[in-house]
mmCIF file of all heavy atoms, coordinates in Angstrom:
data_MODEL
# 
_entry.id   MODEL 
# 
loop_
_atom_site.group_PDB 
_atom_site.id 
_atom_site.type_symbol 
_atom_site.label_atom_id 
_atom_site.label_alt_id 
_atom_site.label_comp_id 
_atom_site.label_asym_id 
_atom_site.label_entity_id 
_atom_site.label_seq_id 
_atom_site.pdbx_PDB_ins_code 
_atom_site.Cartn_x 
_atom_site.Cartn_y 
_atom_site.Cartn_z 
_atom_site.occupancy 
_atom_site.B_iso_or_equiv 
_atom_site.pdbx_formal_charge 
_atom_site.auth_seq_id 
_atom_site.auth_comp_id 
_atom_site.auth_asym_id 
_atom_site.auth_atom_id 
_atom_site.pdbx_PDB_model_num 
ATOM 1   N N   . SER A 1 1  ? 74.860  76.612 117.253 1.00 0.00 ? 1  SER A N   1 
ATOM 2   C CA  . SER A 1 1  ? 76.270  76.717 116.788 1.00 0.00 ? 1  SER A CA  1 
ATOM 3   C C   . SER A 1 1  ? 76.338  77.073 115.331 1.00 0.00 ? 1  SER A C   1 
ATOM 4   O O   . SER A 1 1  ? 77.279  77.839 114.928 1.00 0.00 ? 1  SER A O   1 
ATOM 5   C CB  . SER A 1 1  ? 76.945  75.299 117.111 1.00 0.00 ? 1  SER A CB  1 
ATOM 6   O OG  . SER A 1 1  ? 76.881  75.051 118.452 1.00 0.00 ? 1  SER A OG  1 
ATOM 7   N N   . PHE A 1 2  ? 75.439  76.491 114.547 1.00 0.00 ? 2  PHE A N   1 
ATOM 8   C CA  . PHE A 1 2  ? 75.557  76.799 113.129 1.00 0.00 ? 2  PHE A CA  1 
ATOM 9   C C   . PHE A 1 2  ? 75.154  78.269 112.821 1.00 0.00 ? 2  PHE A C   1 
ATOM 10  O O   . PHE A 1 2  ? 75.796  78.885 111.972 1.00 0.00 ? 2  PHE A O   1 
ATOM 11  C CB  . PHE A 1 2  ? 74.568  75.838 112.317 1.00 0.00 ? 2  PHE A CB  1 
ATOM 12  C CG  . PHE A 1 2  ? 74.525  76.069 110.899 1.00 0.00 ? 2  PHE A CG  1 
ATOM 13  C CD1 . PHE A 1 2  ? 75.548  75.630 110.019 1.00 0.00 ? 2  PHE A CD1 1 
ATOM 14  C CD2 . PHE A 1 2  ? 73.515  76.831 110.299 1.00 0.00 ? 2  PHE A CD2 1 
ATOM 15  C CE1 . PHE A 1 2  ? 75.557  75.894 108.666 1.00 0.00 ? 2  PHE A CE1 1 
ATOM 16  C CE2 . PHE A 1 2  ? 73.399  76.977 108.894 1.00 0.00 ? 2  PHE A CE2 1 
ATOM 17  C CZ  . PHE A 1 2  ? 74.427  76.542 108.117 1.00 0.00 ? 2  PHE A CZ  1 
ATOM 18  N N   . ILE A 1 3  ? 74.171  78.792 113.582 1.00 0.00 ? 3  ILE A N   1 
ATOM 19  C CA  . ILE A 1 3  ? 73.806  80.131 113.399 1.00 0.00 ? 3  ILE A CA  1 
ATOM 20  C C   . ILE A 1 3  ? 74.931  81.113 113.771 1.00 0.00 ? 3  ILE A C   1 
ATOM 21  O O   . ILE A 1 3  ? 75.170  82.111 113.165 1.00 0.00 ? 3  ILE A O   1 
ATOM 22  C CB  . ILE A 1 3  ? 72.483  80.458 114.148 1.00 0.00 ? 3  ILE A CB  1 
ATOM 23  C CG1 . ILE A 1 3  ? 71.328  79.649 113.589 1.00 0.00 ? 3  ILE A CG1 1 
ATOM 24  C CG2 . ILE A 1 3  ? 72.187  81.948 114.128 1.00 0.00 ? 3  ILE A CG2 1 
ATOM 25  C CD1 . ILE A 1 3  ? 70.025  79.853 114.394 1.00 0.00 ? 3  ILE A CD1 1 
ATOM 26  N N   . ASN A 1 4  ? 75.555  80.801 114.876 1.00 0.00 ? 4  ASN A N   1 
ATOM 27  C CA  . ASN A 1 4  ? 76.650  81.612 115.359 1.00 0.00 ? 4  ASN A CA  1 
ATOM 28  C C   . ASN A 1 4  ? 78.041  81.388 114.824 1.00 0.00 ? 4  ASN A C   1 
ATOM 29  O O   . ASN A 1 4  ? 79.010  82.059 115.185 1.00 0.00 ? 4  ASN A O   1 
ATOM 30  C CB  . ASN A 1 4  ? 76.697  81.588 116.934 1.00 0.00 ? 4  ASN A CB  1 
ATOM 31  C CG  . ASN A 1 4  ? 75.474  82.052 117.583 1.00 0.00 ? 4  ASN A CG  1 
ATOM 32  O OD1 . ASN A 1 4  ? 74.807  83.019 117.107 1.00 0.00 ? 4  ASN A OD1 1 
ATOM 33  N ND2 . ASN A 1 4  ? 75.078  81.423 118.749 1.00 0.00 ? 4  ASN A ND2 1 
ATOM 34  N N   . LEU A 1 5  ? 78.063  80.441 113.890 1.00 0.00 ? 5  LEU A N   1 
ATOM 35  C CA  . LEU A 1 5  ? 79.427  80.027 113.323 1.00 0.00 ? 5  LEU A CA  1 
ATOM 36  C C   . LEU A 1 5  ? 79.837  81.185 112.362 1.00 0.00 ? 5  LEU A C   1 
ATOM 37  O O   . LEU A 1 5  ? 79.104  81.570 111.478 1.00 0.00 ? 5  LEU A O   1 
ATOM 38  C CB  . LEU A 1 5  ? 79.288  78.714 112.622 1.00 0.00 ? 5  LEU A CB  1 
ATOM 39  C CG  . LEU A 1 5  ? 80.623  78.226 111.940 1.00 0.00 ? 5  LEU A CG  1 
ATOM 40  C CD1 . LEU A 1 5  ? 81.606  77.881 113.063 1.00 0.00 ? 5  LEU A CD1 1 
ATOM 41  C CD2 . LEU A 1 5  ? 80.321  76.881 111.124 1.00 0.00 ? 5  LEU A CD2 1 
ATOM 42  N N   . GLU A 1 6  ? 81.161  81.580 112.574 1.00 0.00 ? 6  GLU A N   1 
ATOM 43  C CA  . GLU A 1 6  ? 81.758  82.597 111.630 1.00 0.00 ? 6  GLU A CA  1 
ATOM 44  C C   . GLU A 1 6  ? 82.602  81.945 110.643 1.00 0.00 ? 6  GLU A C   1 
ATOM 45  O O   . GLU A 1 6  ? 83.462  81.044 110.999 1.00 0.00 ? 6  GLU A O   1 
ATOM 46  C CB  . GLU A 1 6  ? 82.516  83.674 112.525 1.00 0.00 ? 6  GLU A CB  1 
ATOM 47  C CG  . GLU A 1 6  ? 81.650  84.400 113.391 1.00 0.00 ? 6  GLU A CG  1 
ATOM 48  C CD  . GLU A 1 6  ? 82.465  85.475 114.167 1.00 0.00 ? 6  GLU A CD  1 
ATOM 49  O OE1 . GLU A 1 6  ? 83.694  85.507 113.993 1.00 0.00 ? 6  GLU A OE1 1 
ATOM 50  O OE2 . GLU A 1 6  ? 81.852  86.320 114.950 1.00 0.00 ? 6  GLU A OE2 1 
ATOM 51  N N   . THR A 1 7  ? 82.545  82.350 109.386 1.00 0.00 ? 7  THR A N   1 
ATOM 52  C CA  . THR A 1 7  ? 83.430  81.779 108.312 1.00 0.00 ? 7  THR A CA  1 
ATOM 53  C C   . THR A 1 7  ? 84.634  82.684 108.207 1.00 0.00 ? 7  THR A C   1 
ATOM 54  O O   . THR A 1 7  ? 84.486  83.902 108.004 1.00 0.00 ? 7  THR A O   1 
ATOM 55  C CB  . THR A 1 7  ? 82.565  81.732 107.082 1.00 0.00 ? 7  THR A CB  1 
ATOM 56  O OG1 . THR A 1 7  ? 81.430  80.925 107.316 1.00 0.00 ? 7  THR A OG1 1 
ATOM 57  C CG2 . THR A 1 7  ? 83.442  81.057 106.005 1.00 0.00 ? 7  THR A CG2 1 
ATOM 58  N N   . ASP A 1 8  ? 85.811  82.050 108.135 1.00 0.00 ? 8  ASP A N   1 
ATOM 59  C CA  . ASP A 1 8  ? 87.064  82.757 107.913 1.00 0.00 ? 8  ASP A CA  1 
ATOM 60  C C   . ASP A 1 8  ? 87.865  82.117 106.802 1.00 0.00 ? 8  ASP A C   1 
ATOM 61  O O   . ASP A 1 8  ? 88.212  80.863 106.916 1.00 0.00 ? 8  ASP A O   1 
ATOM 62  C CB  . ASP A 1 8  ? 88.017  82.739 109.197 1.00 0.00 ? 8  ASP A CB  1 
ATOM 63  C CG  . ASP A 1 8  ? 89.092  83.606 109.040 1.00 0.00 ? 8  ASP A CG  1 
ATOM 64  O OD1 . ASP A 1 8  ? 89.275  84.247 108.031 1.00 0.00 ? 8  ASP A OD1 1 
ATOM 65  O OD2 . ASP A 1 8  ? 89.835  83.838 110.143 1.00 0.00 ? 8  ASP A OD2 1 
ATOM 66  N N   . LEU A 1 9  ? 87.910  82.777 105.674 1.00 0.00 ? 9  LEU A N   1 
ATOM 67  C CA  . LEU A 1 9  ? 88.643  82.179 104.563 1.00 0.00 ? 9  LEU A CA  1 
ATOM 68  C C   . LEU A 1 9  ? 90.160  82.016 104.809 1.00 0.00 ? 9  LEU A C   1 
ATOM 69  O O   . LEU A 1 9  ? 90.686  81.067 104.250 1.00 0.00 ? 9  LEU A O   1 
ATOM 70  C CB  . LEU A 1 9  ? 88.435  83.109 103.286 1.00 0.00 ? 9  LEU A CB  1 
ATOM 71  C CG  . LEU A 1 9  ? 86.948  83.240 102.873 1.00 0.00 ? 9  LEU A CG  1 
ATOM 72  C CD1 . LEU A 1 9  ? 86.884  84.148 101.586 1.00 0.00 ? 9  LEU A CD1 1 
ATOM 73  C CD2 . LEU A 1 9  ? 86.384  81.852 102.435 1.00 0.00 ? 9  LEU A CD2 1 
ATOM 74  N N   . LEU A 1 10 ? 90.711  82.839 105.591 1.00 0.00 ? 10 LEU A N   1 
ATOM 75  C CA  . LEU A 1 10 ? 92.141  82.764 105.993 1.00 0.00 ? 10 LEU A CA  1 
ATOM 76  C C   . LEU A 1 10 ? 92.230  82.676 107.393 1.00 0.00 ? 10 LEU A C   1 
ATOM 77  O O   . LEU A 1 10 ? 92.588  83.672 108.133 1.00 0.00 ? 10 LEU A O   1 
ATOM 78  C CB  . LEU A 1 10 ? 92.937  83.914 105.397 1.00 0.00 ? 10 LEU A CB  1 
ATOM 79  C CG  . LEU A 1 10 ? 92.938  84.015 103.894 1.00 0.00 ? 10 LEU A CG  1 
ATOM 80  C CD1 . LEU A 1 10 ? 93.668  85.339 103.507 1.00 0.00 ? 10 LEU A CD1 1 
ATOM 81  C CD2 . LEU A 1 10 ? 93.704  82.879 103.317 1.00 0.00 ? 10 LEU A CD2 1 
ATOM 82  N N   . PRO A 1 11 ? 92.053  81.484 108.059 1.00 0.00 ? 11 PRO A N   1 
ATOM 83  C CA  . PRO A 1 11 ? 92.144  81.409 109.553 1.00 0.00 ? 11 PRO A CA  1 
ATOM 84  C C   . PRO A 1 11 ? 93.529  81.717 110.011 1.00 0.00 ? 11 PRO A C   1 
ATOM 85  O O   . PRO A 1 11 ? 94.516  81.452 109.293 1.00 0.00 ? 11 PRO A O   1 
ATOM 86  C CB  . PRO A 1 11 ? 91.745  80.001 109.815 1.00 0.00 ? 11 PRO A CB  1 
ATOM 87  C CG  . PRO A 1 11 ? 91.937  79.234 108.556 1.00 0.00 ? 11 PRO A CG  1 
ATOM 88  C CD  . PRO A 1 11 ? 91.716  80.190 107.446 1.00 0.00 ? 11 PRO A CD  1 
ATOM 89  N N   . SER A 1 12 ? 93.701  82.314 111.202 1.00 0.00 ? 12 SER A N   1 
ATOM 90  C CA  . SER A 1 12 ? 94.961  82.560 111.776 1.00 0.00 ? 12 SER A CA  1 
ATOM 91  C C   . SER A 1 12 ? 95.611  81.430 112.391 1.00 0.00 ? 12 SER A C   1 
ATOM 92  O O   . SER A 1 12 ? 95.061  80.935 113.367 1.00 0.00 ? 12 SER A O   1 
ATOM 93  C CB  . SER A 1 12 ? 94.855  83.726 112.794 1.00 0.00 ? 12 SER A CB  1 
ATOM 94  O OG  . SER A 1 12 ? 96.089  84.059 113.273 1.00 0.00 ? 12 SER A OG  1 
ATOM 95  N N   . PHE A 1 13 ? 96.745  80.966 111.933 1.00 0.00 ? 13 PHE A N   1 
ATOM 96  C CA  . PHE A 1 13 ? 97.438  79.860 112.506 1.00 0.00 ? 13 PHE A CA  1 
ATOM 97  C C   . PHE A 1 13 ? 99.000  80.107 112.154 1.00 0.00 ? 13 PHE A C   1 
ATOM 98  O O   . PHE A 1 13 ? 99.352  80.688 111.135 1.00 0.00 ? 13 PHE A O   1 
ATOM 99  C CB  . PHE A 1 13 ? 96.981  78.482 112.121 1.00 0.00 ? 13 PHE A CB  1 
ATOM 100 C CG  . PHE A 1 13 ? 97.052  78.192 110.677 1.00 0.00 ? 13 PHE A CG  1 
ATOM 101 C CD1 . PHE A 1 13 ? 98.209  77.618 110.079 1.00 0.00 ? 13 PHE A CD1 1 
ATOM 102 C CD2 . PHE A 1 13 ? 96.049  78.615 109.771 1.00 0.00 ? 13 PHE A CD2 1 
ATOM 103 C CE1 . PHE A 1 13 ? 98.267  77.392 108.746 1.00 0.00 ? 13 PHE A CE1 1 
ATOM 104 C CE2 . PHE A 1 13 ? 96.177  78.375 108.467 1.00 0.00 ? 13 PHE A CE2 1 
ATOM 105 C CZ  . PHE A 1 13 ? 97.287  77.746 107.915 1.00 0.00 ? 13 PHE A CZ  1 
ATOM 106 N N   . ASP A 1 14 ? 99.829  79.615 113.001 1.00 0.00 ? 14 ASP A N   1 
ATOM 107 C CA  . ASP A 1 14 ? 101.269 79.772 112.852 1.00 0.00 ? 14 ASP A CA  1 
ATOM 108 C C   . ASP A 1 14 ? 101.809 78.658 112.036 1.00 0.00 ? 14 ASP A C   1 
ATOM 109 O O   . ASP A 1 14 ? 101.607 77.471 112.308 1.00 0.00 ? 14 ASP A O   1 
ATOM 110 C CB  . ASP A 1 14 ? 101.921 79.843 114.192 1.00 0.00 ? 14 ASP A CB  1 
ATOM 111 C CG  . ASP A 1 14 ? 101.635 81.089 114.945 1.00 0.00 ? 14 ASP A CG  1 
ATOM 112 O OD1 . ASP A 1 14 ? 101.269 82.049 114.304 1.00 0.00 ? 14 ASP A OD1 1 
ATOM 113 O OD2 . ASP A 1 14 ? 101.589 81.066 116.261 1.00 0.00 ? 14 ASP A OD2 1 
ATOM 114 N N   . LEU A 1 15 ? 102.607 79.024 110.981 1.00 0.00 ? 15 LEU A N   1 
ATOM 115 C CA  . LEU A 1 15 ? 103.269 78.027 110.144 1.00 0.00 ? 15 LEU A CA  1 
ATOM 116 C C   . LEU A 1 15 ? 104.738 77.910 110.769 1.00 0.00 ? 15 LEU A C   1 
ATOM 117 O O   . LEU A 1 15 ? 105.313 78.836 111.302 1.00 0.00 ? 15 LEU A O   1 
ATOM 118 C CB  . LEU A 1 15 ? 103.371 78.571 108.755 1.00 0.00 ? 15 LEU A CB  1 
ATOM 119 C CG  . LEU A 1 15 ? 102.121 78.678 107.971 1.00 0.00 ? 15 LEU A CG  1 
ATOM 120 C CD1 . LEU A 1 15 ? 102.341 79.334 106.581 1.00 0.00 ? 15 LEU A CD1 1 
ATOM 121 C CD2 . LEU A 1 15 ? 101.378 77.398 107.791 1.00 0.00 ? 15 LEU A CD2 1 
ATOM 122 N N   . PRO A 1 16 ? 105.273 76.657 110.692 1.00 0.00 ? 16 PRO A N   1 
ATOM 123 C CA  . PRO A 1 16 ? 106.605 76.416 111.275 1.00 0.00 ? 16 PRO A CA  1 
ATOM 124 C C   . PRO A 1 16 ? 107.735 76.870 110.439 1.00 0.00 ? 16 PRO A C   1 
ATOM 125 O O   . PRO A 1 16 ? 108.672 76.248 110.069 1.00 0.00 ? 16 PRO A O   1 
ATOM 126 C CB  . PRO A 1 16 ? 106.647 74.879 111.468 1.00 0.00 ? 16 PRO A CB  1 
ATOM 127 C CG  . PRO A 1 16 ? 105.760 74.394 110.350 1.00 0.00 ? 16 PRO A CG  1 
ATOM 128 C CD  . PRO A 1 16 ? 104.624 75.465 110.130 1.00 0.00 ? 16 PRO A CD  1 
ATOM 129 N N   . TYR A 1 17 ? 107.639 78.164 110.028 1.00 0.00 ? 17 TYR A N   1 
ATOM 130 C CA  . TYR A 1 17 ? 108.700 78.723 109.172 1.00 0.00 ? 17 TYR A CA  1 
ATOM 131 C C   . TYR A 1 17 ? 109.114 80.219 109.733 1.00 0.00 ? 17 TYR A C   1 
ATOM 132 O O   . TYR A 1 17 ? 108.255 80.906 110.204 1.00 0.00 ? 17 TYR A O   1 
ATOM 133 C CB  . TYR A 1 17 ? 108.147 78.946 107.730 1.00 0.00 ? 17 TYR A CB  1 
ATOM 134 C CG  . TYR A 1 17 ? 107.925 77.651 106.969 1.00 0.00 ? 17 TYR A CG  1 
ATOM 135 C CD1 . TYR A 1 17 ? 106.600 77.093 107.068 1.00 0.00 ? 17 TYR A CD1 1 
ATOM 136 C CD2 . TYR A 1 17 ? 108.959 77.039 106.254 1.00 0.00 ? 17 TYR A CD2 1 
ATOM 137 C CE1 . TYR A 1 17 ? 106.397 75.919 106.332 1.00 0.00 ? 17 TYR A CE1 1 
ATOM 138 C CE2 . TYR A 1 17 ? 108.646 75.942 105.551 1.00 0.00 ? 17 TYR A CE2 1 
ATOM 139 C CZ  . TYR A 1 17 ? 107.471 75.332 105.621 1.00 0.00 ? 17 TYR A CZ  1 
ATOM 140 O OH  . TYR A 1 17 ? 107.237 74.152 104.886 1.00 0.00 ? 17 TYR A OH  1 
ATOM 141 N N   . VAL A 1 18 ? 110.374 80.398 109.605 1.00 0.00 ? 18 VAL A N   1 
ATOM 142 C CA  . VAL A 1 18 ? 110.872 81.752 110.018 1.00 0.00 ? 18 VAL A CA  1 
ATOM 143 C C   . VAL A 1 18 ? 111.847 82.199 108.890 1.00 0.00 ? 18 VAL A C   1 
ATOM 144 O O   . VAL A 1 18 ? 112.692 81.451 108.445 1.00 0.00 ? 18 VAL A O   1 
ATOM 145 C CB  . VAL A 1 18 ? 111.661 81.695 111.408 1.00 0.00 ? 18 VAL A CB  1 
ATOM 146 C CG1 . VAL A 1 18 ? 112.273 83.039 111.638 1.00 0.00 ? 18 VAL A CG1 1 
ATOM 147 C CG2 . VAL A 1 18 ? 110.697 81.282 112.467 1.00 0.00 ? 18 VAL A CG2 1 
ATOM 148 N N   . LEU A 1 19 ? 111.642 83.458 108.446 1.00 0.00 ? 19 LEU A N   1 
ATOM 149 C CA  . LEU A 1 19 ? 112.420 83.986 107.439 1.00 0.00 ? 19 LEU A CA  1 
ATOM 150 C C   . LEU A 1 19 ? 113.469 85.032 108.035 1.00 0.00 ? 19 LEU A C   1 
ATOM 151 O O   . LEU A 1 19 ? 112.950 85.914 108.664 1.00 0.00 ? 19 LEU A O   1 
ATOM 152 C CB  . LEU A 1 19 ? 111.615 84.676 106.346 1.00 0.00 ? 19 LEU A CB  1 
ATOM 153 C CG  . LEU A 1 19 ? 112.271 85.359 105.241 1.00 0.00 ? 19 LEU A CG  1 
ATOM 154 C CD1 . LEU A 1 19 ? 113.159 84.470 104.387 1.00 0.00 ? 19 LEU A CD1 1 
ATOM 155 C CD2 . LEU A 1 19 ? 111.303 86.142 104.353 1.00 0.00 ? 19 LEU A CD2 1 
ATOM 156 N N   . VAL A 1 20 ? 114.717 84.918 107.736 1.00 0.00 ? 20 VAL A N   1 
ATOM 157 C CA  . VAL A 1 20 ? 115.801 85.873 108.281 1.00 0.00 ? 20 VAL A CA  1 
ATOM 158 C C   . VAL A 1 20 ? 116.288 86.602 107.068 1.00 0.00 ? 20 VAL A C   1 
ATOM 159 O O   . VAL A 1 20 ? 116.842 86.030 106.094 1.00 0.00 ? 20 VAL A O   1 
ATOM 160 C CB  . VAL A 1 20 ? 116.899 85.109 108.927 1.00 0.00 ? 20 VAL A CB  1 
ATOM 161 C CG1 . VAL A 1 20 ? 117.942 86.139 109.435 1.00 0.00 ? 20 VAL A CG1 1 
ATOM 162 C CG2 . VAL A 1 20 ? 116.341 84.283 110.100 1.00 0.00 ? 20 VAL A CG2 1 
ATOM 163 N N   . MET A 1 21 ? 116.022 87.934 107.017 1.00 0.00 ? 21 MET A N   1 
ATOM 164 C CA  . MET A 1 21 ? 116.367 88.816 105.922 1.00 0.00 ? 21 MET A CA  1 
ATOM 165 C C   . MET A 1 21 ? 117.545 89.792 106.396 1.00 0.00 ? 21 MET A C   1 
ATOM 166 O O   . MET A 1 21 ? 117.461 90.360 107.413 1.00 0.00 ? 21 MET A O   1 
ATOM 167 C CB  . MET A 1 21 ? 115.166 89.569 105.438 1.00 0.00 ? 21 MET A CB  1 
ATOM 168 C CG  . MET A 1 21 ? 114.094 88.707 104.913 1.00 0.00 ? 21 MET A CG  1 
ATOM 169 S SD  . MET A 1 21 ? 112.699 89.750 104.319 1.00 0.00 ? 21 MET A SD  1 
ATOM 170 C CE  . MET A 1 21 ? 112.147 90.604 105.856 1.00 0.00 ? 21 MET A CE  1 
ATOM 171 N N   . THR A 1 22 ? 118.567 89.879 105.550 1.00 0.00 ? 22 THR A N   1 
ATOM 172 C CA  . THR A 1 22 ? 119.733 90.724 105.809 1.00 0.00 ? 22 THR A CA  1 
ATOM 173 C C   . THR A 1 22 ? 120.012 91.508 104.612 1.00 0.00 ? 22 THR A C   1 
ATOM 174 O O   . THR A 1 22 ? 120.194 90.859 103.493 1.00 0.00 ? 22 THR A O   1 
ATOM 175 C CB  . THR A 1 22 ? 120.892 89.859 106.306 1.00 0.00 ? 22 THR A CB  1 
ATOM 176 O OG1 . THR A 1 22 ? 120.529 88.997 107.291 1.00 0.00 ? 22 THR A OG1 1 
ATOM 177 C CG2 . THR A 1 22 ? 122.049 90.811 106.796 1.00 0.00 ? 22 THR A CG2 1 
ATOM 178 N N   . ASN A 1 23 ? 120.318 92.772 104.742 1.00 0.00 ? 23 ASN A N   1 
ATOM 179 C CA  . ASN A 1 23 ? 120.733 93.649 103.639 1.00 0.00 ? 23 ASN A CA  1 
ATOM 180 C C   . ASN A 1 23 ? 122.193 93.930 103.715 1.00 0.00 ? 23 ASN A C   1 
ATOM 181 O O   . ASN A 1 23 ? 122.668 94.185 104.806 1.00 0.00 ? 23 ASN A O   1 
ATOM 182 C CB  . ASN A 1 23 ? 119.888 94.902 103.561 1.00 0.00 ? 23 ASN A CB  1 
ATOM 183 C CG  . ASN A 1 23 ? 118.474 94.709 103.312 1.00 0.00 ? 23 ASN A CG  1 
ATOM 184 O OD1 . ASN A 1 23 ? 118.099 93.845 102.519 1.00 0.00 ? 23 ASN A OD1 1 
ATOM 185 N ND2 . ASN A 1 23 ? 117.586 95.546 103.928 1.00 0.00 ? 23 ASN A ND2 1 
ATOM 186 N N   . TYR A 1 24 ? 122.848 93.802 102.600 1.00 0.00 ? 24 TYR A N   1 
ATOM 187 C CA  . TYR A 1 24 ? 124.374 94.124 102.479 1.00 0.00 ? 24 TYR A CA  1 
ATOM 188 C C   . TYR A 1 24 ? 124.523 94.997 101.226 1.00 0.00 ? 24 TYR A C   1 
ATOM 189 O O   . TYR A 1 24 ? 124.829 94.496 100.153 1.00 0.00 ? 24 TYR A O   1 
ATOM 190 C CB  . TYR A 1 24 ? 125.110 92.855 102.295 1.00 0.00 ? 24 TYR A CB  1 
ATOM 191 C CG  . TYR A 1 24 ? 126.594 92.997 102.474 1.00 0.00 ? 24 TYR A CG  1 
ATOM 192 C CD1 . TYR A 1 24 ? 127.160 94.264 102.742 1.00 0.00 ? 24 TYR A CD1 1 
ATOM 193 C CD2 . TYR A 1 24 ? 127.496 92.024 102.270 1.00 0.00 ? 24 TYR A CD2 1 
ATOM 194 C CE1 . TYR A 1 24 ? 128.566 94.439 102.889 1.00 0.00 ? 24 TYR A CE1 1 
ATOM 195 C CE2 . TYR A 1 24 ? 128.886 92.118 102.425 1.00 0.00 ? 24 TYR A CE2 1 
ATOM 196 C CZ  . TYR A 1 24 ? 129.367 93.429 102.672 1.00 0.00 ? 24 TYR A CZ  1 
ATOM 197 O OH  . TYR A 1 24 ? 130.759 93.592 102.825 1.00 0.00 ? 24 TYR A OH  1 
ATOM 198 N N   . PRO A 1 25 ? 124.294 96.354 101.346 1.00 0.00 ? 25 PRO A N   1 
ATOM 199 C CA  . PRO A 1 25 ? 124.335 97.170 100.159 1.00 0.00 ? 25 PRO A CA  1 
ATOM 200 C C   . PRO A 1 25 ? 125.682 97.164 99.491  1.00 0.00 ? 25 PRO A C   1 
ATOM 201 O O   . PRO A 1 25 ? 126.755 97.180 100.113 1.00 0.00 ? 25 PRO A O   1 
ATOM 202 C CB  . PRO A 1 25 ? 124.037 98.620 100.811 1.00 0.00 ? 25 PRO A CB  1 
ATOM 203 C CG  . PRO A 1 25 ? 123.408 98.344 102.181 1.00 0.00 ? 25 PRO A CG  1 
ATOM 204 C CD  . PRO A 1 25 ? 124.000 97.018 102.610 1.00 0.00 ? 25 PRO A CD  1 
ATOM 205 N N   . GLY A 1 26 ? 125.601 97.192 98.172  1.00 0.00 ? 26 GLY A N   1 
ATOM 206 C CA  . GLY A 1 26 ? 126.848 97.125 97.305  1.00 0.00 ? 26 GLY A CA  1 
ATOM 207 C C   . GLY A 1 26 ? 127.534 95.876 97.245  1.00 0.00 ? 26 GLY A C   1 
ATOM 208 O O   . GLY A 1 26 ? 128.637 95.839 96.568  1.00 0.00 ? 26 GLY A O   1 
ATOM 209 N N   . ALA A 1 27 ? 127.022 94.743 97.759  1.00 0.00 ? 27 ALA A N   1 
ATOM 210 C CA  . ALA A 1 27 ? 127.766 93.494 97.689  1.00 0.00 ? 27 ALA A CA  1 
ATOM 211 C C   . ALA A 1 27 ? 127.131 92.600 96.461  1.00 0.00 ? 27 ALA A C   1 
ATOM 212 O O   . ALA A 1 27 ? 125.988 92.620 96.263  1.00 0.00 ? 27 ALA A O   1 
ATOM 213 C CB  . ALA A 1 27 ? 127.612 92.720 99.031  1.00 0.00 ? 27 ALA A CB  1 
# 
């Protein structure tokens, strides 16, 4: 297991955050 273990500095996991972006030109 140690030999086949892969190191990931930034593992993929979902954070409980959602960003909603809206553009309103000229406002």
